[in-house]
Amino acid sequence: MSQSSSRSNNLVVPQATAALQQLKLEAAQELGVTIPQDGYYGNYTSRETGSLGGYITKRLVQLAEQQLSGRSTM
């Protein structure tokens, strides 16, 4: 099974790809996790990938809360 066909997390808004990639890079930098250039995370621990995913989710929730309250930072 190829990497592209195994992905199940399709974006609702495909135009958000660049912003999400930037958020991932910023989160990884803050947590001290290096993003693999080839996109393969198999050499990373569950703790590393989990902390990165959790941090990104937390930031996305914060951004949504700000936008919903009218305090958009964008």
N, C-alpha and C. Protein backbone atom coordinates (compact mmCIF):
# COMPACT_ATOMS: atom_id res chain seq x y z
N MET A 1 0.85 -1.18 0.00
CA MET A 1 0.00 0.00 0.00
C MET A 1 0.90 1.24 0.00
N SER A 2 0.68 2.13 -0.92
CA SER A 2 1.53 3.32 -1.01
C SER A 2 1.17 4.32 0.07
N GLN A 3 2.09 5.23 0.36
CA GLN A 3 1.89 6.21 1.42
C GLN A 3 0.69 7.10 1.13
N SER A 4 0.51 7.53 -0.12
CA SER A 4 -0.59 8.42 -0.45
C SER A 4 -1.95 7.75 -0.31
N SER A 5 -2.06 6.46 -0.61
CA SER A 5 -3.34 5.79 -0.50
C SER A 5 -3.66 5.37 0.94
N SER A 6 -2.70 5.37 1.83
CA SER A 6 -2.95 4.97 3.20
C SER A 6 -3.37 6.15 4.08
N ARG A 7 -3.29 7.36 3.55
CA ARG A 7 -3.68 8.53 4.33
C ARG A 7 -5.20 8.63 4.41
N SER A 8 -5.70 8.82 5.60
CA SER A 8 -7.14 8.96 5.77
C SER A 8 -7.51 10.35 6.28
N ASN A 9 -6.53 11.20 6.51
CA ASN A 9 -6.80 12.53 7.05
C ASN A 9 -6.81 13.56 5.93
N ASN A 10 -7.87 13.54 5.12
CA ASN A 10 -8.01 14.48 4.04
C ASN A 10 -8.46 15.83 4.59
N LEU A 11 -7.89 16.90 4.07
CA LEU A 11 -8.23 18.24 4.54
C LEU A 11 -9.60 18.66 4.03
N VAL A 12 -10.38 19.28 4.89
CA VAL A 12 -11.67 19.83 4.50
C VAL A 12 -11.44 21.05 3.63
N VAL A 13 -10.41 21.83 3.97
CA VAL A 13 -10.04 23.03 3.21
C VAL A 13 -8.62 22.83 2.69
N PRO A 14 -8.47 22.31 1.48
CA PRO A 14 -7.14 22.03 0.95
C PRO A 14 -6.20 23.24 0.90
N GLN A 15 -6.77 24.44 0.83
CA GLN A 15 -5.95 25.66 0.81
C GLN A 15 -5.23 25.89 2.14
N ALA A 16 -5.59 25.15 3.17
CA ALA A 16 -4.97 25.30 4.48
C ALA A 16 -3.67 24.50 4.60
N THR A 17 -3.28 23.78 3.58
CA THR A 17 -2.10 22.91 3.63
C THR A 17 -0.86 23.66 4.07
N ALA A 18 -0.57 24.80 3.47
CA ALA A 18 0.64 25.56 3.80
C ALA A 18 0.61 26.05 5.25
N ALA A 19 -0.54 26.54 5.69
CA ALA A 19 -0.66 27.03 7.07
C ALA A 19 -0.48 25.89 8.07
N LEU A 20 -1.04 24.74 7.78
CA LEU A 20 -0.89 23.59 8.67
C LEU A 20 0.56 23.09 8.70
N GLN A 21 1.22 23.11 7.57
CA GLN A 21 2.62 22.71 7.52
C GLN A 21 3.48 23.66 8.35
N GLN A 22 3.19 24.95 8.26
CA GLN A 22 3.92 25.95 9.04
C GLN A 22 3.67 25.74 10.53
N LEU A 23 2.44 25.45 10.91
CA LEU A 23 2.10 25.19 12.31
C LEU A 23 2.85 23.96 12.80
N LYS A 24 2.95 22.93 11.97
CA LYS A 24 3.68 21.71 12.34
C LYS A 24 5.16 22.02 12.57
N LEU A 25 5.75 22.81 11.68
CA LEU A 25 7.16 23.16 11.83
C LEU A 25 7.41 23.98 13.09
N GLU A 26 6.52 24.94 13.37
CA GLU A 26 6.67 25.77 14.57
C GLU A 26 6.52 24.92 15.83
N ALA A 27 5.55 24.02 15.84
CA ALA A 27 5.34 23.16 17.00
C ALA A 27 6.54 22.25 17.22
N ALA A 28 7.06 21.67 16.16
CA ALA A 28 8.22 20.79 16.27
C ALA A 28 9.43 21.56 16.82
N GLN A 29 9.61 22.77 16.34
CA GLN A 29 10.74 23.58 16.81
C GLN A 29 10.60 23.89 18.29
N GLU A 30 9.39 24.25 18.73
CA GLU A 30 9.17 24.56 20.15
C GLU A 30 9.37 23.33 21.03
N LEU A 31 9.04 22.14 20.51
CA LEU A 31 9.17 20.92 21.30
C LEU A 31 10.52 20.24 21.13
N GLY A 32 11.34 20.74 20.20
CA GLY A 32 12.65 20.14 19.97
C GLY A 32 12.60 18.85 19.19
N VAL A 33 11.55 18.66 18.39
CA VAL A 33 11.41 17.48 17.55
C VAL A 33 11.76 17.86 16.12
N THR A 34 12.62 17.08 15.49
CA THR A 34 13.02 17.35 14.11
C THR A 34 12.04 16.67 13.17
N ILE A 35 11.48 17.43 12.23
CA ILE A 35 10.57 16.88 11.23
C ILE A 35 11.40 16.14 10.19
N PRO A 36 11.07 14.86 9.90
CA PRO A 36 11.84 14.12 8.89
C PRO A 36 11.60 14.69 7.50
N GLN A 37 12.67 14.90 6.75
CA GLN A 37 12.57 15.47 5.41
C GLN A 37 11.79 14.57 4.46
N ASP A 38 11.86 13.25 4.66
CA ASP A 38 11.18 12.32 3.76
C ASP A 38 9.75 12.02 4.20
N GLY A 39 9.32 12.60 5.34
CA GLY A 39 7.95 12.39 5.81
C GLY A 39 7.73 11.08 6.55
N TYR A 40 8.79 10.30 6.74
CA TYR A 40 8.67 9.00 7.42
C TYR A 40 8.93 9.17 8.91
N TYR A 41 7.93 8.88 9.73
CA TYR A 41 8.03 9.04 11.18
C TYR A 41 8.31 7.72 11.90
N GLY A 42 8.62 6.65 11.16
CA GLY A 42 8.82 5.34 11.75
C GLY A 42 9.97 5.25 12.72
N ASN A 43 10.93 6.17 12.64
CA ASN A 43 12.07 6.15 13.55
C ASN A 43 11.86 7.01 14.79
N TYR A 44 10.65 7.54 14.95
CA TYR A 44 10.35 8.40 16.08
C TYR A 44 9.57 7.62 17.13
N THR A 45 9.70 8.04 18.37
CA THR A 45 8.98 7.37 19.44
C THR A 45 7.53 7.86 19.47
N SER A 46 6.68 7.07 20.09
CA SER A 46 5.28 7.48 20.25
C SER A 46 5.19 8.76 21.06
N ARG A 47 6.11 8.93 22.00
CA ARG A 47 6.11 10.14 22.82
C ARG A 47 6.39 11.37 21.95
N GLU A 48 7.35 11.26 21.05
CA GLU A 48 7.69 12.40 20.18
C GLU A 48 6.53 12.76 19.25
N THR A 49 5.99 11.76 18.56
CA THR A 49 4.91 12.05 17.62
C THR A 49 3.63 12.43 18.36
N GLY A 50 3.39 11.82 19.49
CA GLY A 50 2.21 12.15 20.29
C GLY A 50 2.26 13.55 20.86
N SER A 51 3.43 13.96 21.33
CA SER A 51 3.54 15.31 21.88
C SER A 51 3.38 16.34 20.78
N LEU A 52 3.90 16.04 19.60
CA LEU A 52 3.76 16.95 18.47
C LEU A 52 2.29 17.07 18.06
N GLY A 53 1.63 15.94 17.91
CA GLY A 53 0.21 15.95 17.54
C GLY A 53 -0.66 16.63 18.58
N GLY A 54 -0.37 16.37 19.85
CA GLY A 54 -1.12 17.01 20.93
C GLY A 54 -0.93 18.51 20.96
N TYR A 55 0.29 18.95 20.74
CA TYR A 55 0.59 20.38 20.74
C TYR A 55 -0.11 21.07 19.57
N ILE A 56 -0.07 20.44 18.40
CA ILE A 56 -0.73 21.02 17.23
C ILE A 56 -2.24 21.12 17.48
N THR A 57 -2.84 20.08 18.04
CA THR A 57 -4.27 20.11 18.34
C THR A 57 -4.59 21.23 19.32
N LYS A 58 -3.78 21.38 20.34
CA LYS A 58 -3.98 22.45 21.33
C LYS A 58 -3.94 23.82 20.66
N ARG A 59 -2.96 24.03 19.78
CA ARG A 59 -2.85 25.32 19.08
C ARG A 59 -4.03 25.56 18.16
N LEU A 60 -4.50 24.51 17.45
CA LEU A 60 -5.65 24.66 16.56
C LEU A 60 -6.90 25.02 17.36
N VAL A 61 -7.08 24.43 18.52
CA VAL A 61 -8.23 24.76 19.37
C VAL A 61 -8.11 26.21 19.85
N GLN A 62 -6.92 26.64 20.25
CA GLN A 62 -6.73 28.03 20.68
C GLN A 62 -7.06 29.00 19.55
N LEU A 63 -6.59 28.70 18.33
CA LEU A 63 -6.87 29.57 17.18
C LEU A 63 -8.37 29.63 16.90
N ALA A 64 -9.04 28.49 16.97
CA ALA A 64 -10.48 28.46 16.73
C ALA A 64 -11.23 29.25 17.80
N GLU A 65 -10.82 29.11 19.05
CA GLU A 65 -11.47 29.85 20.15
C GLU A 65 -11.29 31.35 19.94
N GLN A 66 -10.09 31.77 19.56
CA GLN A 66 -9.83 33.19 19.31
C GLN A 66 -10.69 33.70 18.16
N GLN A 67 -10.78 32.91 17.11
CA GLN A 67 -11.57 33.33 15.95
C GLN A 67 -13.05 33.42 16.31
N LEU A 68 -13.55 32.45 17.05
CA LEU A 68 -14.95 32.46 17.45
C LEU A 68 -15.29 33.60 18.40
N SER A 69 -14.33 34.01 19.20
CA SER A 69 -14.58 35.11 20.14
C SER A 69 -14.33 36.48 19.50
N GLY A 70 -13.90 36.47 18.23
CA GLY A 70 -13.68 37.75 17.54
C GLY A 70 -12.30 38.33 17.74
N ARG A 71 -11.39 37.57 18.33
CA ARG A 71 -10.03 38.05 18.58
C ARG A 71 -9.05 37.38 17.65
N SER A 72 -9.40 37.26 16.41
CA SER A 72 -8.56 36.58 15.43
C SER A 72 -7.17 37.21 15.38
N THR A 73 -6.14 36.35 15.36
CA THR A 73 -4.76 36.83 15.30
C THR A 73 -4.26 36.85 13.87
N MET A 74 -5.11 36.49 12.92
CA MET A 74 -4.69 36.43 11.53
C MET A 74 -5.07 37.69 10.81
